[in-house]
Amino acid sequence: MRILLLGEFSNVHATLALGLRKLGHDVVVASDGDEWKNYPRDIDLHRPSLKKWDSLRYFLRLNRQFKDFKGFDIVQLINPIFVPLKAERNQSFFHFLRKHNRKIVLGAFGMDSYYIKGCLDGKTFRYSD
């Protein structure tokens, strides 16, 4: 099974990838390494800064990198903000992933209060599978 683990939180995706690989799955971890923690990953999605030109270069780099995120059986997102961009920009990447992959699942890691609220109201994550 081809699996893409997108984003990182306290090394959960890097650790999960090790176990899944031992079971024979083809796993790719794409993340920023959980920022300063710099956890291991296969594809680096680190954002160098919030400066205007760095942000533009980062967005263009993500567009190139996401072209490789096709044909996975499962894509697991670490949380609704799976790359360090504004929500509306994350949503466009989500739609790309949904169109080009078989199944997308959203992880519930940490204490993301907006995620908990969204699960309770049933309306926040309308774009979710």
C-alpha atoms as a PDB file:
ATOM      1  CA  MET A   1       0.000   0.000   0.000  1.00  0.00           C
ATOM      2  CA  ARG A   2       1.302   3.507  -0.866  1.00  0.00           C
ATOM      3  CA  ILE A   3       0.860   5.912   2.044  1.00  0.00           C
ATOM      4  CA  LEU A   4       1.606   9.637   2.303  1.00  0.00           C
ATOM      5  CA  LEU A   5       1.922  11.082   5.816  1.00  0.00           C
ATOM      6  CA  LEU A   6       1.646  14.853   5.508  1.00  0.00           C
ATOM      7  CA  GLY A   7       2.766  17.137   8.342  1.00  0.00           C
ATOM      8  CA  GLU A   8       4.351  16.340  11.698  1.00  0.00           C
ATOM      9  CA  PHE A   9       3.494  16.577  15.395  1.00  0.00           C
ATOM     10  CA  SER A  10       5.937  15.307  18.028  1.00  0.00           C
ATOM     11  CA  ASN A  11       7.475  12.731  15.672  1.00  0.00           C
ATOM     12  CA  VAL A  12       4.214  10.804  15.238  1.00  0.00           C
ATOM     13  CA  HIS A  13       4.398  10.529  11.435  1.00  0.00           C
ATOM     14  CA  ALA A  14       8.107   9.666  11.358  1.00  0.00           C
ATOM     15  CA  THR A  15       7.520   6.936  13.956  1.00  0.00           C
ATOM     16  CA  LEU A  16       4.370   5.657  12.236  1.00  0.00           C
ATOM     17  CA  ALA A  17       6.296   5.468   8.954  1.00  0.00           C
ATOM     18  CA  LEU A  18       8.926   3.201  10.543  1.00  0.00           C
ATOM     19  CA  GLY A  19       6.260   0.751  11.682  1.00  0.00           C
ATOM     20  CA  LEU A  20       4.373   0.807   8.391  1.00  0.00           C
ATOM     21  CA  ARG A  21       7.585   0.200   6.439  1.00  0.00           C
ATOM     22  CA  LYS A  22       8.343  -2.831   8.626  1.00  0.00           C
ATOM     23  CA  LEU A  23       4.931  -4.148   7.608  1.00  0.00           C
ATOM     24  CA  GLY A  24       5.914  -3.769   3.943  1.00  0.00           C
ATOM     25  CA  HIS A  25       4.122  -0.552   3.008  1.00  0.00           C
ATOM     26  CA  ASP A  26       5.581   2.147   0.762  1.00  0.00           C
ATOM     27  CA  VAL A  27       5.468   5.256   2.998  1.00  0.00           C
ATOM     28  CA  VAL A  28       6.458   8.870   2.333  1.00  0.00           C
ATOM     29  CA  VAL A  29       6.661  11.441   5.147  1.00  0.00           C
ATOM     30  CA  ALA A  30       6.394  15.045   3.939  1.00  0.00           C
ATOM     31  CA  SER A  31       6.699  17.679   6.656  1.00  0.00           C
ATOM     32  CA  ASP A  32       8.623  20.603   8.064  1.00  0.00           C
ATOM     33  CA  GLY A  33      10.010  18.325  10.782  1.00  0.00           C
ATOM     34  CA  ASP A  34       7.735  19.990  13.378  1.00  0.00           C
ATOM     35  CA  GLU A  35       9.690  23.223  12.990  1.00  0.00           C
ATOM     36  CA  TRP A  36      12.631  23.552  15.426  1.00  0.00           C
ATOM     37  CA  LYS A  37      12.383  19.889  16.471  1.00  0.00           C
ATOM     38  CA  ASN A  38      13.594  18.947  12.983  1.00  0.00           C
ATOM     39  CA  TYR A  39      12.249  15.385  12.999  1.00  0.00           C
ATOM     40  CA  PRO A  40      13.249  13.123  10.087  1.00  0.00           C
ATOM     41  CA  ARG A  41      11.185  13.223   6.893  1.00  0.00           C
ATOM     42  CA  ASP A  42      11.475  12.091   3.309  1.00  0.00           C
ATOM     43  CA  ILE A  43      10.317  15.370   1.760  1.00  0.00           C
ATOM     44  CA  ASP A  44      11.158  18.663   3.440  1.00  0.00           C
ATOM     45  CA  LEU A  45       8.297  21.187   3.592  1.00  0.00           C
ATOM     46  CA  HIS A  46      10.145  23.627   5.870  1.00  0.00           C
ATOM     47  CA  ARG A  47       9.183  27.284   5.437  1.00  0.00           C
ATOM     48  CA  PRO A  48      12.288  29.492   5.774  1.00  0.00           C
ATOM     49  CA  SER A  49      10.500  32.638   7.014  1.00  0.00           C
ATOM     50  CA  LEU A  50       7.309  34.670   6.808  1.00  0.00           C
ATOM     51  CA  LYS A  51       8.961  37.385   4.706  1.00  0.00           C
ATOM     52  CA  LYS A  52       7.172  38.292   1.485  1.00  0.00           C
ATOM     53  CA  TRP A  53       9.700  36.862  -0.999  1.00  0.00           C
ATOM     54  CA  ASP A  54      10.437  33.774   1.098  1.00  0.00           C
ATOM     55  CA  SER A  55       6.686  33.154   1.303  1.00  0.00           C
ATOM     56  CA  LEU A  56       6.279  33.460  -2.455  1.00  0.00           C
ATOM     57  CA  ARG A  57       9.210  31.101  -3.117  1.00  0.00           C
ATOM     58  CA  TYR A  58       7.818  28.669  -0.526  1.00  0.00           C
ATOM     59  CA  PHE A  59       4.372  28.662  -2.143  1.00  0.00           C
ATOM     60  CA  LEU A  60       5.898  28.012  -5.584  1.00  0.00           C
ATOM     61  CA  ARG A  61       8.084  25.226  -4.152  1.00  0.00           C
ATOM     62  CA  LEU A  62       5.019  23.602  -2.544  1.00  0.00           C
ATOM     63  CA  ASN A  63       3.207  23.686  -5.883  1.00  0.00           C
ATOM     64  CA  ARG A  64       6.122  21.813  -7.477  1.00  0.00           C
ATOM     65  CA  GLN A  65       6.404  19.316  -4.602  1.00  0.00           C
ATOM     66  CA  PHE A  66       2.685  18.568  -4.475  1.00  0.00           C
ATOM     67  CA  LYS A  67       2.795  17.381  -8.099  1.00  0.00           C
ATOM     68  CA  ASP A  68       4.542  14.280  -6.702  1.00  0.00           C
ATOM     69  CA  PHE A  69       1.752  13.661  -4.169  1.00  0.00           C
ATOM     70  CA  LYS A  70      -0.407  11.637  -6.571  1.00  0.00           C
ATOM     71  CA  GLY A  71      -1.456   8.003  -6.678  1.00  0.00           C
ATOM     72  CA  PHE A  72      -1.365   7.206  -2.960  1.00  0.00           C
ATOM     73  CA  ASP A  73      -3.825   4.724  -1.480  1.00  0.00           C
ATOM     74  CA  ILE A  74      -4.006   6.747   1.738  1.00  0.00           C
ATOM     75  CA  VAL A  75      -2.983  10.300   2.606  1.00  0.00           C
ATOM     76  CA  GLN A  76      -3.008  11.123   6.314  1.00  0.00           C
ATOM     77  CA  LEU A  77      -3.023  14.809   7.246  1.00  0.00           C
ATOM     78  CA  ILE A  78      -1.543  15.703  10.628  1.00  0.00           C
ATOM     79  CA  ASN A  79      -4.241  18.357  11.218  1.00  0.00           C
ATOM     80  CA  PRO A  80      -6.364  20.783   9.156  1.00  0.00           C
ATOM     81  CA  ILE A  81      -3.353  23.099   8.747  1.00  0.00           C
ATOM     82  CA  PHE A  82      -0.982  20.479   7.318  1.00  0.00           C
ATOM     83  CA  VAL A  83       1.419  22.965   5.705  1.00  0.00           C
ATOM     84  CA  PRO A  84       2.277  26.327   7.324  1.00  0.00           C
ATOM     85  CA  LEU A  85      -0.023  28.483   5.195  1.00  0.00           C
ATOM     86  CA  LYS A  86      -3.331  30.258   5.714  1.00  0.00           C
ATOM     87  CA  ALA A  87      -6.355  27.966   5.795  1.00  0.00           C
ATOM     88  CA  GLU A  88      -7.638  28.996   2.353  1.00  0.00           C
ATOM     89  CA  ARG A  89      -4.289  28.083   0.778  1.00  0.00           C
ATOM     90  CA  ASN A  90      -4.232  24.765   2.636  1.00  0.00           C
ATOM     91  CA  GLN A  91      -7.688  24.071   1.244  1.00  0.00           C
ATOM     92  CA  SER A  92      -6.469  24.331  -2.357  1.00  0.00           C
ATOM     93  CA  PHE A  93      -3.730  21.790  -1.580  1.00  0.00           C
ATOM     94  CA  PHE A  94      -6.359  19.594   0.113  1.00  0.00           C
ATOM     95  CA  HIS A  95      -8.500  19.637  -3.031  1.00  0.00           C
ATOM     96  CA  PHE A  96      -5.470  18.633  -5.107  1.00  0.00           C
ATOM     97  CA  LEU A  97      -4.757  15.715  -2.743  1.00  0.00           C
ATOM     98  CA  ARG A  98      -8.382  14.627  -2.777  1.00  0.00           C
ATOM     99  CA  LYS A  99      -8.533  14.654  -6.575  1.00  0.00           C
ATOM    100  CA  HIS A 100      -5.321  12.677  -7.124  1.00  0.00           C
ATOM    101  CA  ASN A 101      -5.380  10.102  -4.305  1.00  0.00           C
ATOM    102  CA  ARG A 102      -7.671   7.301  -3.214  1.00  0.00           C
ATOM    103  CA  LYS A 103      -8.485   8.191   0.411  1.00  0.00           C
ATOM    104  CA  ILE A 104      -7.660  11.071   2.759  1.00  0.00           C
ATOM    105  CA  VAL A 105      -7.831  10.849   6.544  1.00  0.00           C
ATOM    106  CA  LEU A 106      -7.395  13.607   9.097  1.00  0.00           C
ATOM    107  CA  GLY A 107      -5.374  12.817  12.198  1.00  0.00           C
ATOM    108  CA  ALA A 108      -6.348  14.132  15.625  1.00  0.00           C
ATOM    109  CA  PHE A 109      -3.002  14.718  17.299  1.00  0.00           C
ATOM    110  CA  GLY A 110      -2.360  17.135  20.136  1.00  0.00           C
ATOM    111  CA  MET A 111      -4.767  19.627  21.566  1.00  0.00           C
ATOM    112  CA  ASP A 112      -5.978  21.483  18.484  1.00  0.00           C
ATOM    113  CA  SER A 113      -8.934  23.331  19.966  1.00  0.00           C
ATOM    114  CA  TYR A 114     -10.306  24.354  16.560  1.00  0.00           C
ATOM    115  CA  TYR A 115     -10.272  20.697  15.493  1.00  0.00           C
ATOM    116  CA  ILE A 116     -12.195  19.606  18.592  1.00  0.00           C
ATOM    117  CA  LYS A 117     -14.720  22.411  18.079  1.00  0.00           C
ATOM    118  CA  GLY A 118     -15.076  21.452  14.428  1.00  0.00           C
ATOM    119  CA  CYS A 119     -15.759  17.834  15.292  1.00  0.00           C
ATOM    120  CA  LEU A 120     -18.448  18.873  17.723  1.00  0.00           C
ATOM    121  CA  ASP A 121     -20.302  21.304  15.440  1.00  0.00           C
ATOM    122  CA  GLY A 122     -20.229  19.030  12.376  1.00  0.00           C
ATOM    123  CA  LYS A 123     -19.936  21.975   9.956  1.00  0.00           C
ATOM    124  CA  THR A 124     -16.362  23.239  10.145  1.00  0.00           C
ATOM    125  CA  PHE A 125     -14.709  20.529   8.044  1.00  0.00           C
ATOM    126  CA  ARG A 126     -17.267  20.307   5.239  1.00  0.00           C
ATOM    127  CA  TYR A 127     -14.476  19.670   2.715  1.00  0.00           C
ATOM    128  CA  SER A 128     -13.345  16.553   4.595  1.00  0.00           C
ATOM    129  CA  ASP A 129     -13.967  13.038   3.276  1.00  0.00           C
END
